Amino acid sequence: MTRLNLILFTSLMFSALGLVNSQHKARNLYIELERTNQAAKQIEQEYGQLQLEQSTWAMHSRIERIATQQMQMQVPDAKRVQVVVPIQGDASIKSQQAVNVQGEATQ
């Protein structure tokens, strides 16, 4: 009988240690998950700020102001603007030509 009690006691100790170990691992994984979620939220917030900054830097009025003030560029007169149509048979070029033909037909 004592032998059976000893076997049951050791199996109880091993199962208790296994339970404690698995709970410890679960808590560590949960802490890591929360840290990862916080990092993801921070990255999403930073991404939103970067998108806002990019839209601010790429505003047409800002680009035009820098081009005229810093680079001394000017918008050419309508008489000096020349549209060049490529000769190669690309699909995007064909669709552009179709738009040009439709635009000429409505005029």
PDB file of N, CA and C in Angstrom:
ATOM      1  N   MET A   1       0.812  -1.197   0.000  1.00  0.00           N
ATOM      2  CA  MET A   1       0.000   0.000   0.000  1.00  0.00           C
ATOM      3  C   MET A   1       0.856   1.262   0.000  1.00  0.00           C
ATOM      4  N   THR A   2       1.940   1.268   0.754  1.00  0.00           N
ATOM      5  CA  THR A   2       2.821   2.423   0.778  1.00  0.00           C
ATOM      6  C   THR A   2       3.465   2.660  -0.587  1.00  0.00           C
ATOM      7  N   ARG A   3       3.711   1.573  -1.302  1.00  0.00           N
ATOM      8  CA  ARG A   3       4.297   1.731  -2.633  1.00  0.00           C
ATOM      9  C   ARG A   3       3.306   2.428  -3.567  1.00  0.00           C
ATOM     10  N   LEU A   4       2.053   2.058  -3.493  1.00  0.00           N
ATOM     11  CA  LEU A   4       1.018   2.695  -4.313  1.00  0.00           C
ATOM     12  C   LEU A   4       0.866   4.169  -3.916  1.00  0.00           C
ATOM     13  N   ASN A   5       0.908   4.463  -2.617  1.00  0.00           N
ATOM     14  CA  ASN A   5       0.825   5.856  -2.160  1.00  0.00           C
ATOM     15  C   ASN A   5       2.013   6.673  -2.653  1.00  0.00           C
ATOM     16  N   LEU A   6       3.182   6.072  -2.646  1.00  0.00           N
ATOM     17  CA  LEU A   6       4.380   6.772  -3.121  1.00  0.00           C
ATOM     18  C   LEU A   6       4.279   7.064  -4.619  1.00  0.00           C
ATOM     19  N   ILE A   7       3.798   6.113  -5.381  1.00  0.00           N
ATOM     20  CA  ILE A   7       3.629   6.317  -6.834  1.00  0.00           C
ATOM     21  C   ILE A   7       2.590   7.397  -7.097  1.00  0.00           C
ATOM     22  N   LEU A   8       1.478   7.352  -6.385  1.00  0.00           N
ATOM     23  CA  LEU A   8       0.443   8.376  -6.562  1.00  0.00           C
ATOM     24  C   LEU A   8       0.949   9.763  -6.137  1.00  0.00           C
ATOM     25  N   PHE A   9       1.723   9.812  -5.065  1.00  0.00           N
ATOM     26  CA  PHE A   9       2.261  11.091  -4.595  1.00  0.00           C
ATOM     27  C   PHE A   9       3.223  11.698  -5.627  1.00  0.00           C
ATOM     28  N   THR A  10       4.117  10.872  -6.186  1.00  0.00           N
ATOM     29  CA  THR A  10       5.057  11.399  -7.188  1.00  0.00           C
ATOM     30  C   THR A  10       4.326  11.822  -8.456  1.00  0.00           C
ATOM     31  N   SER A  11       3.328  11.066  -8.873  1.00  0.00           N
ATOM     32  CA  SER A  11       2.570  11.476 -10.067  1.00  0.00           C
ATOM     33  C   SER A  11       1.800  12.767  -9.787  1.00  0.00           C
ATOM     34  N   LEU A  12       1.275  12.923  -8.552  1.00  0.00           N
ATOM     35  CA  LEU A  12       0.601  14.162  -8.181  1.00  0.00           C
ATOM     36  C   LEU A  12       1.566  15.341  -8.207  1.00  0.00           C
ATOM     37  N   MET A  13       2.781  15.170  -7.721  1.00  0.00           N
ATOM     38  CA  MET A  13       3.782  16.237  -7.729  1.00  0.00           C
ATOM     39  C   MET A  13       4.166  16.622  -9.161  1.00  0.00           C
ATOM     40  N   PHE A  14       4.373  15.625 -10.008  1.00  0.00           N
ATOM     41  CA  PHE A  14       4.735  15.921 -11.400  1.00  0.00           C
ATOM     42  C   PHE A  14       3.602  16.634 -12.130  1.00  0.00           C
ATOM     43  N   SER A  15       2.375  16.216 -11.908  1.00  0.00           N
ATOM     44  CA  SER A  15       1.257  16.889 -12.565  1.00  0.00           C
ATOM     45  C   SER A  15       1.087  18.310 -12.027  1.00  0.00           C
ATOM     46  N   ALA A  16       1.310  18.511 -10.728  1.00  0.00           N
ATOM     47  CA  ALA A  16       1.225  19.863 -10.155  1.00  0.00           C
ATOM     48  C   ALA A  16       2.324  20.763 -10.721  1.00  0.00           C
ATOM     49  N   LEU A  17       3.550  20.230 -10.832  1.00  0.00           N
ATOM     50  CA  LEU A  17       4.635  21.013 -11.429  1.00  0.00           C
ATOM     51  C   LEU A  17       4.357  21.314 -12.904  1.00  0.00           C
ATOM     52  N   GLY A  18       3.781  20.348 -13.606  1.00  0.00           N
ATOM     53  CA  GLY A  18       3.410  20.594 -15.005  1.00  0.00           C
ATOM     54  C   GLY A  18       2.347  21.669 -15.126  1.00  0.00           C
ATOM     55  N   LEU A  19       1.371  21.668 -14.221  1.00  0.00           N
ATOM     56  CA  LEU A  19       0.333  22.692 -14.229  1.00  0.00           C
ATOM     57  C   LEU A  19       0.916  24.074 -13.960  1.00  0.00           C
ATOM     58  N   VAL A  20       1.788  24.172 -12.966  1.00  0.00           N
ATOM     59  CA  VAL A  20       2.424  25.455 -12.648  1.00  0.00           C
ATOM     60  C   VAL A  20       3.256  25.938 -13.832  1.00  0.00           C
ATOM     61  N   ASN A  21       3.982  25.035 -14.448  1.00  0.00           N
ATOM     62  CA  ASN A  21       4.822  25.390 -15.594  1.00  0.00           C
ATOM     63  C   ASN A  21       3.963  25.879 -16.761  1.00  0.00           C
ATOM     64  N   SER A  22       2.863  25.183 -17.050  1.00  0.00           N
ATOM     65  CA  SER A  22       2.021  25.591 -18.177  1.00  0.00           C
ATOM     66  C   SER A  22       1.337  26.931 -17.895  1.00  0.00           C
ATOM     67  N   GLN A  23       0.917  27.182 -16.662  1.00  0.00           N
ATOM     68  CA  GLN A  23       0.329  28.486 -16.335  1.00  0.00           C
ATOM     69  C   GLN A  23       1.361  29.600 -16.458  1.00  0.00           C
ATOM     70  N   HIS A  24       2.578  29.329 -16.046  1.00  0.00           N
ATOM     71  CA  HIS A  24       3.646  30.330 -16.171  1.00  0.00           C
ATOM     72  C   HIS A  24       3.894  30.669 -17.644  1.00  0.00           C
ATOM     73  N   LYS A  25       3.950  29.640 -18.488  1.00  0.00           N
ATOM     74  CA  LYS A  25       4.153  29.876 -19.922  1.00  0.00           C
ATOM     75  C   LYS A  25       2.983  30.649 -20.511  1.00  0.00           C
ATOM     76  N   ALA A  26       1.760  30.306 -20.098  1.00  0.00           N
ATOM     77  CA  ALA A  26       0.575  31.001 -20.615  1.00  0.00           C
ATOM     78  C   ALA A  26       0.604  32.475 -20.222  1.00  0.00           C
ATOM     79  N   ARG A  27       0.987  32.771 -18.997  1.00  0.00           N
ATOM     80  CA  ARG A  27       1.067  34.169 -18.557  1.00  0.00           C
ATOM     81  C   ARG A  27       2.145  34.927 -19.330  1.00  0.00           C
ATOM     82  N   ASN A  28       3.273  34.295 -19.533  1.00  0.00           N
ATOM     83  CA  ASN A  28       4.342  34.945 -20.314  1.00  0.00           C
ATOM     84  C   ASN A  28       3.898  35.206 -21.749  1.00  0.00           C
ATOM     85  N   LEU A  29       3.199  34.254 -22.337  1.00  0.00           N
ATOM     86  CA  LEU A  29       2.712  34.449 -23.701  1.00  0.00           C
ATOM     87  C   LEU A  29       1.658  35.552 -23.763  1.00  0.00           C
ATOM     88  N   TYR A  30       0.808  35.644 -22.745  1.00  0.00           N
ATOM     89  CA  TYR A  30      -0.200  36.702 -22.711  1.00  0.00           C
ATOM     90  C   TYR A  30       0.463  38.074 -22.584  1.00  0.00           C
ATOM     91  N   ILE A  31       1.481  38.163 -21.751  1.00  0.00           N
ATOM     92  CA  ILE A  31       2.215  39.432 -21.606  1.00  0.00           C
ATOM     93  C   ILE A  31       2.866  39.815 -22.934  1.00  0.00           C
ATOM     94  N   GLU A  32       3.447  38.848 -23.617  1.00  0.00           N
ATOM     95  CA  GLU A  32       4.065  39.120 -24.915  1.00  0.00           C
ATOM     96  C   GLU A  32       3.019  39.547 -25.942  1.00  0.00           C
ATOM     97  N   LEU A  33       1.839  38.911 -25.897  1.00  0.00           N
ATOM     98  CA  LEU A  33       0.753  39.295 -26.796  1.00  0.00           C
ATOM     99  C   LEU A  33       0.315  40.731 -26.553  1.00  0.00           C
ATOM    100  N   GLU A  34       0.180  41.131 -25.307  1.00  0.00           N
ATOM    101  CA  GLU A  34      -0.211  42.500 -24.998  1.00  0.00           C
ATOM    102  C   GLU A  34       0.844  43.500 -25.459  1.00  0.00           C
ATOM    103  N   ARG A  35       2.103  43.176 -25.271  1.00  0.00           N
ATOM    104  CA  ARG A  35       3.177  44.064 -25.746  1.00  0.00           C
ATOM    105  C   ARG A  35       3.130  44.200 -27.265  1.00  0.00           C
ATOM    106  N   THR A  36       2.894  43.087 -27.933  1.00  0.00           N
ATOM    107  CA  THR A  36       2.815  43.112 -29.391  1.00  0.00           C
ATOM    108  C   THR A  36       1.616  43.937 -29.864  1.00  0.00           C
ATOM    109  N   ASN A  37       0.479  43.796 -29.173  1.00  0.00           N
ATOM    110  CA  ASN A  37      -0.698  44.594 -29.532  1.00  0.00           C
ATOM    111  C   ASN A  37      -0.443  46.079 -29.322  1.00  0.00           C
ATOM    112  N   GLN A  38       0.233  46.437 -28.242  1.00  0.00           N
ATOM    113  CA  GLN A  38       0.563  47.844 -28.011  1.00  0.00           C
ATOM    114  C   GLN A  38       1.510  48.371 -29.088  1.00  0.00           C
ATOM    115  N   ALA A  39       2.478  47.552 -29.465  1.00  0.00           N
ATOM    116  CA  ALA A  39       3.405  47.967 -30.529  1.00  0.00           C
ATOM    117  C   ALA A  39       2.665  48.139 -31.842  1.00  0.00           C
ATOM    118  N   ALA A  40       1.706  47.244 -32.121  1.00  0.00           N
ATOM    119  CA  ALA A  40       0.926  47.352 -33.361  1.00  0.00           C
ATOM    120  C   ALA A  40       0.089  48.622 -33.366  1.00  0.00           C
ATOM    121  N   LYS A  41      -0.523  48.954 -32.237  1.00  0.00           N
ATOM    122  CA  LYS A  41      -1.306  50.192 -32.152  1.00  0.00           C
ATOM    123  C   LYS A  41      -0.422  51.411 -32.362  1.00  0.00           C
ATOM    124  N   GLN A  42       0.768  51.383 -31.778  1.00  0.00           N
ATOM    125  CA  GLN A  42       1.692  52.506 -31.936  1.00  0.00           C
ATOM    126  C   GLN A  42       2.138  52.640 -33.396  1.00  0.00           C
ATOM    127  N   ILE A  43       2.392  51.519 -34.034  1.00  0.00           N
ATOM    128  CA  ILE A  43       2.809  51.550 -35.442  1.00  0.00           C
ATOM    129  C   ILE A  43       1.677  52.058 -36.321  1.00  0.00           C
ATOM    130  N   GLU A  44       0.438  51.641 -36.044  1.00  0.00           N
ATOM    131  CA  GLU A  44      -0.704  52.133 -36.817  1.00  0.00           C
ATOM    132  C   GLU A  44      -0.878  53.638 -36.637  1.00  0.00           C
ATOM    133  N   GLN A  45      -0.682  54.117 -35.422  1.00  0.00           N
ATOM    134  CA  GLN A  45      -0.792  55.552 -35.177  1.00  0.00           C
ATOM    135  C   GLN A  45       0.307  56.311 -35.922  1.00  0.00           C
ATOM    136  N   GLU A  46       1.510  55.789 -35.880  1.00  0.00           N
ATOM    137  CA  GLU A  46       2.617  56.429 -36.590  1.00  0.00           C
ATOM    138  C   GLU A  46       2.379  56.404 -38.101  1.00  0.00           C
ATOM    139  N   TYR A  47       1.813  55.296 -38.593  1.00  0.00           N
ATOM    140  CA  TYR A  47       1.516  55.197 -40.022  1.00  0.00           C
ATOM    141  C   TYR A  47       0.481  56.242 -40.435  1.00  0.00           C
ATOM    142  N   GLY A  48      -0.532  56.430 -39.607  1.00  0.00           N
ATOM    143  CA  GLY A  48      -1.529  57.459 -39.897  1.00  0.00           C
ATOM    144  C   GLY A  48      -0.912  58.849 -39.921  1.00  0.00           C
ATOM    145  N   GLN A  49      -0.013  59.118 -38.977  1.00  0.00           N
ATOM    146  CA  GLN A  49       0.657  60.413 -38.956  1.00  0.00           C
ATOM    147  C   GLN A  49       1.541  60.593 -40.188  1.00  0.00           C
ATOM    148  N   LEU A  50       2.204  59.518 -40.603  1.00  0.00           N
ATOM    149  CA  LEU A  50       3.049  59.617 -41.800  1.00  0.00           C
ATOM    150  C   LEU A  50       2.220  59.839 -43.059  1.00  0.00           C
ATOM    151  N   GLN A  51       1.045  59.200 -43.127  1.00  0.00           N
ATOM    152  CA  GLN A  51       0.172  59.433 -44.278  1.00  0.00           C
ATOM    153  C   GLN A  51      -0.292  60.879 -44.317  1.00  0.00           C
ATOM    154  N   LEU A  52      -0.642  61.410 -43.156  1.00  0.00           N
ATOM    155  CA  LEU A  52      -1.055  62.818 -43.089  1.00  0.00           C
ATOM    156  C   LEU A  52       0.090  63.735 -43.499  1.00  0.00           C
ATOM    157  N   GLU A  53       1.285  63.436 -43.016  1.00  0.00           N
ATOM    158  CA  GLU A  53       2.448  64.243 -43.374  1.00  0.00           C
ATOM    159  C   GLU A  53       2.743  64.159 -44.867  1.00  0.00           C
ATOM    160  N   GLN A  54       2.615  62.955 -45.428  1.00  0.00           N
ATOM    161  CA  GLN A  54       2.858  62.789 -46.860  1.00  0.00           C
ATOM    162  C   GLN A  54       1.847  63.583 -47.679  1.00  0.00           C
ATOM    163  N   SER A  55       0.583  63.549 -47.275  1.00  0.00           N
ATOM    164  CA  SER A  55      -0.421  64.303 -48.027  1.00  0.00           C
ATOM    165  C   SER A  55      -0.163  65.802 -47.916  1.00  0.00           C
ATOM    166  N   THR A  56       0.346  66.228 -46.765  1.00  0.00           N
ATOM    167  CA  THR A  56       0.673  67.651 -46.606  1.00  0.00           C
ATOM    168  C   THR A  56       1.844  68.041 -47.489  1.00  0.00           C
ATOM    169  N   TRP A  57       2.872  67.212 -47.520  1.00  0.00           N
ATOM    170  CA  TRP A  57       4.056  67.527 -48.330  1.00  0.00           C
ATOM    171  C   TRP A  57       3.762  67.435 -49.820  1.00  0.00           C
ATOM    172  N   ALA A  58       2.806  66.614 -50.214  1.00  0.00           N
ATOM    173  CA  ALA A  58       2.544  66.400 -51.636  1.00  0.00           C
ATOM    174  C   ALA A  58       1.407  67.260 -52.163  1.00  0.00           C
ATOM    175  N   MET A  59       0.965  68.240 -51.399  1.00  0.00           N
ATOM    176  CA  MET A  59      -0.126  69.103 -51.868  1.00  0.00           C
ATOM    177  C   MET A  59       0.327  69.862 -53.118  1.00  0.00           C
ATOM    178  N   HIS A  60      -0.581  69.959 -54.060  1.00  0.00           N
ATOM    179  CA  HIS A  60      -0.252  70.608 -55.332  1.00  0.00           C
ATOM    180  C   HIS A  60       0.173  72.057 -55.128  1.00  0.00           C
ATOM    181  N   SER A  61      -0.520  72.762 -54.234  1.00  0.00           N
ATOM    182  CA  SER A  61      -0.182  74.178 -54.007  1.00  0.00           C
ATOM    183  C   SER A  61       1.224  74.323 -53.428  1.00  0.00           C
ATOM    184  N   ARG A  62       1.624  73.413 -52.532  1.00  0.00           N
ATOM    185  CA  ARG A  62       2.963  73.468 -51.946  1.00  0.00           C
ATOM    186  C   ARG A  62       4.028  73.204 -53.004  1.00  0.00           C
ATOM    187  N   ILE A  63       3.797  72.184 -53.827  1.00  0.00           N
ATOM    188  CA  ILE A  63       4.767  71.850 -54.877  1.00  0.00           C
ATOM    189  C   ILE A  63       4.895  72.996 -55.875  1.00  0.00           C
ATOM    190  N   GLU A  64       3.761  73.581 -56.228  1.00  0.00           N
ATOM    191  CA  GLU A  64       3.798  74.699 -57.177  1.00  0.00           C
ATOM    192  C   GLU A  64       4.515  75.903 -56.570  1.00  0.00           C
ATOM    193  N   ARG A  65       4.285  76.163 -55.277  1.00  0.00           N
ATOM    194  CA  ARG A  65       4.950  77.296 -54.610  1.00  0.00           C
ATOM    195  C   ARG A  65       6.458  77.085 -54.558  1.00  0.00           C
ATOM    196  N   ILE A  66       6.894  75.879 -54.231  1.00  0.00           N
ATOM    197  CA  ILE A  66       8.332  75.593 -54.179  1.00  0.00           C
ATOM    198  C   ILE A  66       8.936  75.683 -55.575  1.00  0.00           C
ATOM    199  N   ALA A  67       8.217  75.185 -56.578  1.00  0.00           N
ATOM    200  CA  ALA A  67       8.732  75.231 -57.949  1.00  0.00           C
ATOM    201  C   ALA A  67       8.904  76.671 -58.413  1.00  0.00           C
ATOM    202  N   THR A  68       7.971  77.536 -58.064  1.00  0.00           N
ATOM    203  CA  THR A  68       8.086  78.926 -58.533  1.00  0.00           C
ATOM    204  C   THR A  68       9.080  79.731 -57.697  1.00  0.00           C
ATOM    205  N   GLN A  69       9.100  79.521 -56.381  1.00  0.00           N
ATOM    206  CA  GLN A  69       9.956  80.343 -55.529  1.00  0.00           C
ATOM    207  C   GLN A  69      11.405  79.855 -55.496  1.00  0.00           C
ATOM    208  N   GLN A  70      11.605  78.583 -55.230  1.00  0.00           N
ATOM    209  CA  GLN A  70      12.958  78.093 -55.034  1.00  0.00           C
ATOM    210  C   GLN A  70      13.637  77.698 -56.344  1.00  0.00           C
ATOM    211  N   MET A  71      12.874  77.185 -57.279  1.00  0.00           N
ATOM    212  CA  MET A  71      13.479  76.684 -58.511  1.00  0.00           C
ATOM    213  C   MET A  71      13.256  77.616 -59.697  1.00  0.00           C
ATOM    214  N   GLN A  72      12.572  78.717 -59.457  1.00  0.00           N
ATOM    215  CA  GLN A  72      12.278  79.713 -60.495  1.00  0.00           C
ATOM    216  C   GLN A  72      11.647  79.075 -61.733  1.00  0.00           C
ATOM    217  N   MET A  73      10.745  78.140 -61.529  1.00  0.00           N
ATOM    218  CA  MET A  73      10.036  77.508 -62.648  1.00  0.00           C
ATOM    219  C   MET A  73       8.757  78.289 -62.918  1.00  0.00           C
ATOM    220  N   GLN A  74       8.300  78.239 -64.161  1.00  0.00           N
ATOM    221  CA  GLN A  74       7.084  78.947 -64.552  1.00  0.00           C
ATOM    222  C   GLN A  74       6.208  78.002 -65.356  1.00  0.00           C
ATOM    223  N   VAL A  75       4.915  78.213 -65.262  1.00  0.00           N
ATOM    224  CA  VAL A  75       3.973  77.437 -66.065  1.00  0.00           C
ATOM    225  C   VAL A  75       4.057  77.965 -67.492  1.00  0.00           C
ATOM    226  N   PRO A  76       4.255  77.083 -68.477  1.00  0.00           N
ATOM    227  CA  PRO A  76       4.356  77.559 -69.859  1.00  0.00           C
ATOM    228  C   PRO A  76       3.009  78.037 -70.381  1.00  0.00           C
ATOM    229  N   ASP A  77       3.078  78.911 -71.370  1.00  0.00           N
ATOM    230  CA  ASP A  77       1.852  79.373 -72.016  1.00  0.00           C
ATOM    231  C   ASP A  77       1.185  78.210 -72.738  1.00  0.00           C
ATOM    232  N   ALA A  78      -0.103  78.357 -72.968  1.00  0.00           N
ATOM    233  CA  ALA A  78      -0.849  77.296 -73.656  1.00  0.00           C
ATOM    234  C   ALA A  78      -0.336  77.106 -75.080  1.00  0.00           C
ATOM    235  N   LYS A  79       0.214  78.148 -75.663  1.00  0.00           N
ATOM    236  CA  LYS A  79       0.751  78.059 -77.028  1.00  0.00           C
ATOM    237  C   LYS A  79       2.011  77.203 -77.072  1.00  0.00           C
ATOM    238  N   ARG A  80       2.735  77.165 -75.960  1.00  0.00           N
ATOM    239  CA  ARG A  80       4.007  76.433 -75.923  1.00  0.00           C
ATOM    240  C   ARG A  80       3.840  74.977 -75.502  1.00  0.00           C
ATOM    241  N   VAL A  81       2.636  74.580 -75.081  1.00  0.00           N
ATOM    242  CA  VAL A  81       2.398  73.207 -74.649  1.00  0.00           C
ATOM    243  C   VAL A  81       2.144  72.343 -75.881  1.00  0.00           C
ATOM    244  N   GLN A  82       2.866  71.241 -75.971  1.00  0.00           N
ATOM    245  CA  GLN A  82       2.727  70.341 -77.106  1.00  0.00           C
ATOM    246  C   GLN A  82       2.500  68.926 -76.575  1.00  0.00           C
ATOM    247  N   VAL A  83       1.425  68.288 -77.014  1.00  0.00           N
ATOM    248  CA  VAL A  83       1.103  66.927 -76.587  1.00  0.00           C
ATOM    249  C   VAL A  83       1.747  65.960 -77.559  1.00  0.00           C
ATOM    250  N   VAL A  84       2.493  65.007 -77.029  1.00  0.00           N
ATOM    251  CA  VAL A  84       3.195  64.026 -77.849  1.00  0.00           C
ATOM    252  C   VAL A  84       2.512  62.681 -77.657  1.00  0.00           C
ATOM    253  N   VAL A  85       2.090  62.076 -78.767  1.00  0.00           N
ATOM    254  CA  VAL A  85       1.445  60.759 -78.715  1.00  0.00           C
ATOM    255  C   VAL A  85       2.478  59.727 -79.146  1.00  0.00           C
ATOM    256  N   PRO A  86       2.764  58.728 -78.308  1.00  0.00           N
ATOM    257  CA  PRO A  86       3.734  57.697 -78.689  1.00  0.00           C
ATOM    258  C   PRO A  86       3.216  56.830 -79.833  1.00  0.00           C
ATOM    259  N   ILE A  87       4.135  56.292 -80.594  1.00  0.00           N
ATOM    260  CA  ILE A  87       3.781  55.491 -81.763  1.00  0.00           C
ATOM    261  C   ILE A  87       3.641  54.018 -81.415  1.00  0.00           C
ATOM    262  N   GLN A  88       4.330  53.535 -80.394  1.00  0.00           N
ATOM    263  CA  GLN A  88       4.331  52.119 -80.055  1.00  0.00           C
ATOM    264  C   GLN A  88       2.932  51.650 -79.679  1.00  0.00           C
ATOM    265  N   GLY A  89       2.662  50.360 -79.892  1.00  0.00           N
ATOM    266  CA  GLY A  89       1.327  49.798 -79.680  1.00  0.00           C
ATOM    267  C   GLY A  89       1.128  49.229 -78.291  1.00  0.00           C
ATOM    268  N   ASP A  90       1.266  50.004 -77.268  1.00  0.00           N
ATOM    269  CA  ASP A  90       1.040  49.551 -75.895  1.00  0.00           C
ATOM    270  C   ASP A  90      -0.456  49.635 -75.589  1.00  0.00           C
ATOM    271  N   ALA A  91      -0.962  48.768 -74.712  1.00  0.00           N
ATOM    272  CA  ALA A  91      -2.386  48.724 -74.387  1.00  0.00           C
ATOM    273  C   ALA A  91      -2.834  50.009 -73.705  1.00  0.00           C
ATOM    274  N   SER A  92      -2.000  50.547 -72.808  1.00  0.00           N
ATOM    275  CA  SER A  92      -2.384  51.781 -72.128  1.00  0.00           C
ATOM    276  C   SER A  92      -2.388  52.952 -73.108  1.00  0.00           C
ATOM    277  N   ILE A  93      -1.516  52.912 -74.071  1.00  0.00           N
ATOM    278  CA  ILE A  93      -1.469  53.978 -75.076  1.00  0.00           C
ATOM    279  C   ILE A  93      -2.711  53.901 -75.959  1.00  0.00           C
ATOM    280  N   LYS A  94      -3.123  52.679 -76.313  1.00  0.00           N
ATOM    281  CA  LYS A  94      -4.323  52.525 -77.138  1.00  0.00           C
ATOM    282  C   LYS A  94      -5.551  53.038 -76.402  1.00  0.00           C
ATOM    283  N   SER A  95      -5.634  52.765 -75.100  1.00  0.00           N
ATOM    284  CA  SER A  95      -6.780  53.266 -74.344  1.00  0.00           C
ATOM    285  C   SER A  95      -6.731  54.790 -74.270  1.00  0.00           C
ATOM    286  N   GLN A  96      -5.537  55.369 -74.153  1.00  0.00           N
ATOM    287  CA  GLN A  96      -5.397  56.819 -74.129  1.00  0.00           C
ATOM    288  C   GLN A  96      -5.801  57.410 -75.479  1.00  0.00           C
ATOM    289  N   GLN A  97      -5.438  56.755 -76.562  1.00  0.00           N
ATOM    290  CA  GLN A  97      -5.825  57.227 -77.880  1.00  0.00           C
ATOM    291  C   GLN A  97      -7.328  57.144 -78.055  1.00  0.00           C
ATOM    292  N   ALA A  98      -7.943  56.102 -77.496  1.00  0.00           N
ATOM    293  CA  ALA A  98      -9.397  55.977 -77.586  1.00  0.00           C
ATOM    294  C   ALA A  98     -10.069  57.118 -76.833  1.00  0.00           C
ATOM    295  N   VAL A  99      -9.521  57.503 -75.709  1.00  0.00           N
ATOM    296  CA  VAL A  99     -10.062  58.634 -74.954  1.00  0.00           C
ATOM    297  C   VAL A  99      -9.891  59.908 -75.757  1.00  0.00           C
ATOM    298  N   ASN A 100      -8.744  60.071 -76.399  1.00  0.00           N
ATOM    299  CA  ASN A 100      -8.507  61.263 -77.219  1.00  0.00           C
ATOM    300  C   ASN A 100      -9.491  61.318 -78.378  1.00  0.00           C
ATOM    301  N   VAL A 101      -9.752  60.175 -79.005  1.00  0.00           N
ATOM    302  CA  VAL A 101     -10.693  60.151 -80.125  1.00  0.00           C
ATOM    303  C   VAL A 101     -12.090  60.490 -79.653  1.00  0.00           C
ATOM    304  N   GLN A 102     -12.491  59.968 -78.499  1.00  0.00           N
ATOM    305  CA  GLN A 102     -13.814  60.270 -77.962  1.00  0.00           C
ATOM    306  C   GLN A 102     -13.915  61.749 -77.591  1.00  0.00           C
ATOM    307  N   GLY A 103     -12.834  62.282 -77.041  1.00  0.00           N
ATOM    308  CA  GLY A 103     -12.829  63.699 -76.672  1.00  0.00           C
ATOM    309  C   GLY A 103     -12.937  64.593 -77.896  1.00  0.00           C
ATOM    310  N   GLU A 104     -12.298  64.201 -79.004  1.00  0.00           N
ATOM    311  CA  GLU A 104     -12.367  64.987 -80.227  1.00  0.00           C
ATOM    312  C   GLU A 104     -13.747  64.886 -80.853  1.00  0.00           C
ATOM    313  N   ALA A 105     -14.413  63.738 -80.714  1.00  0.00           N
ATOM    314  CA  ALA A 105     -15.723  63.541 -81.308  1.00  0.00           C
ATOM    315  C   ALA A 105     -16.766  64.397 -80.602  1.00  0.00           C
ATOM    316  N   THR A 106     -16.611  64.623 -79.288  1.00  0.00           N
ATOM    317  CA  THR A 106     -17.585  65.424 -78.556  1.00  0.00           C
ATOM    318  C   THR A 106     -17.398  66.911 -78.790  1.00  0.00           C
ATOM    319  N   GLN A 107     -16.228  67.292 -79.250  1.00  0.00           N
ATOM    320  CA  GLN A 107     -15.950  68.735 -79.458  1.00  0.00           C
ATOM    321  C   GLN A 107     -16.525  69.149 -80.731  1.00  0.00           C
TER     322      GLN A 107
END
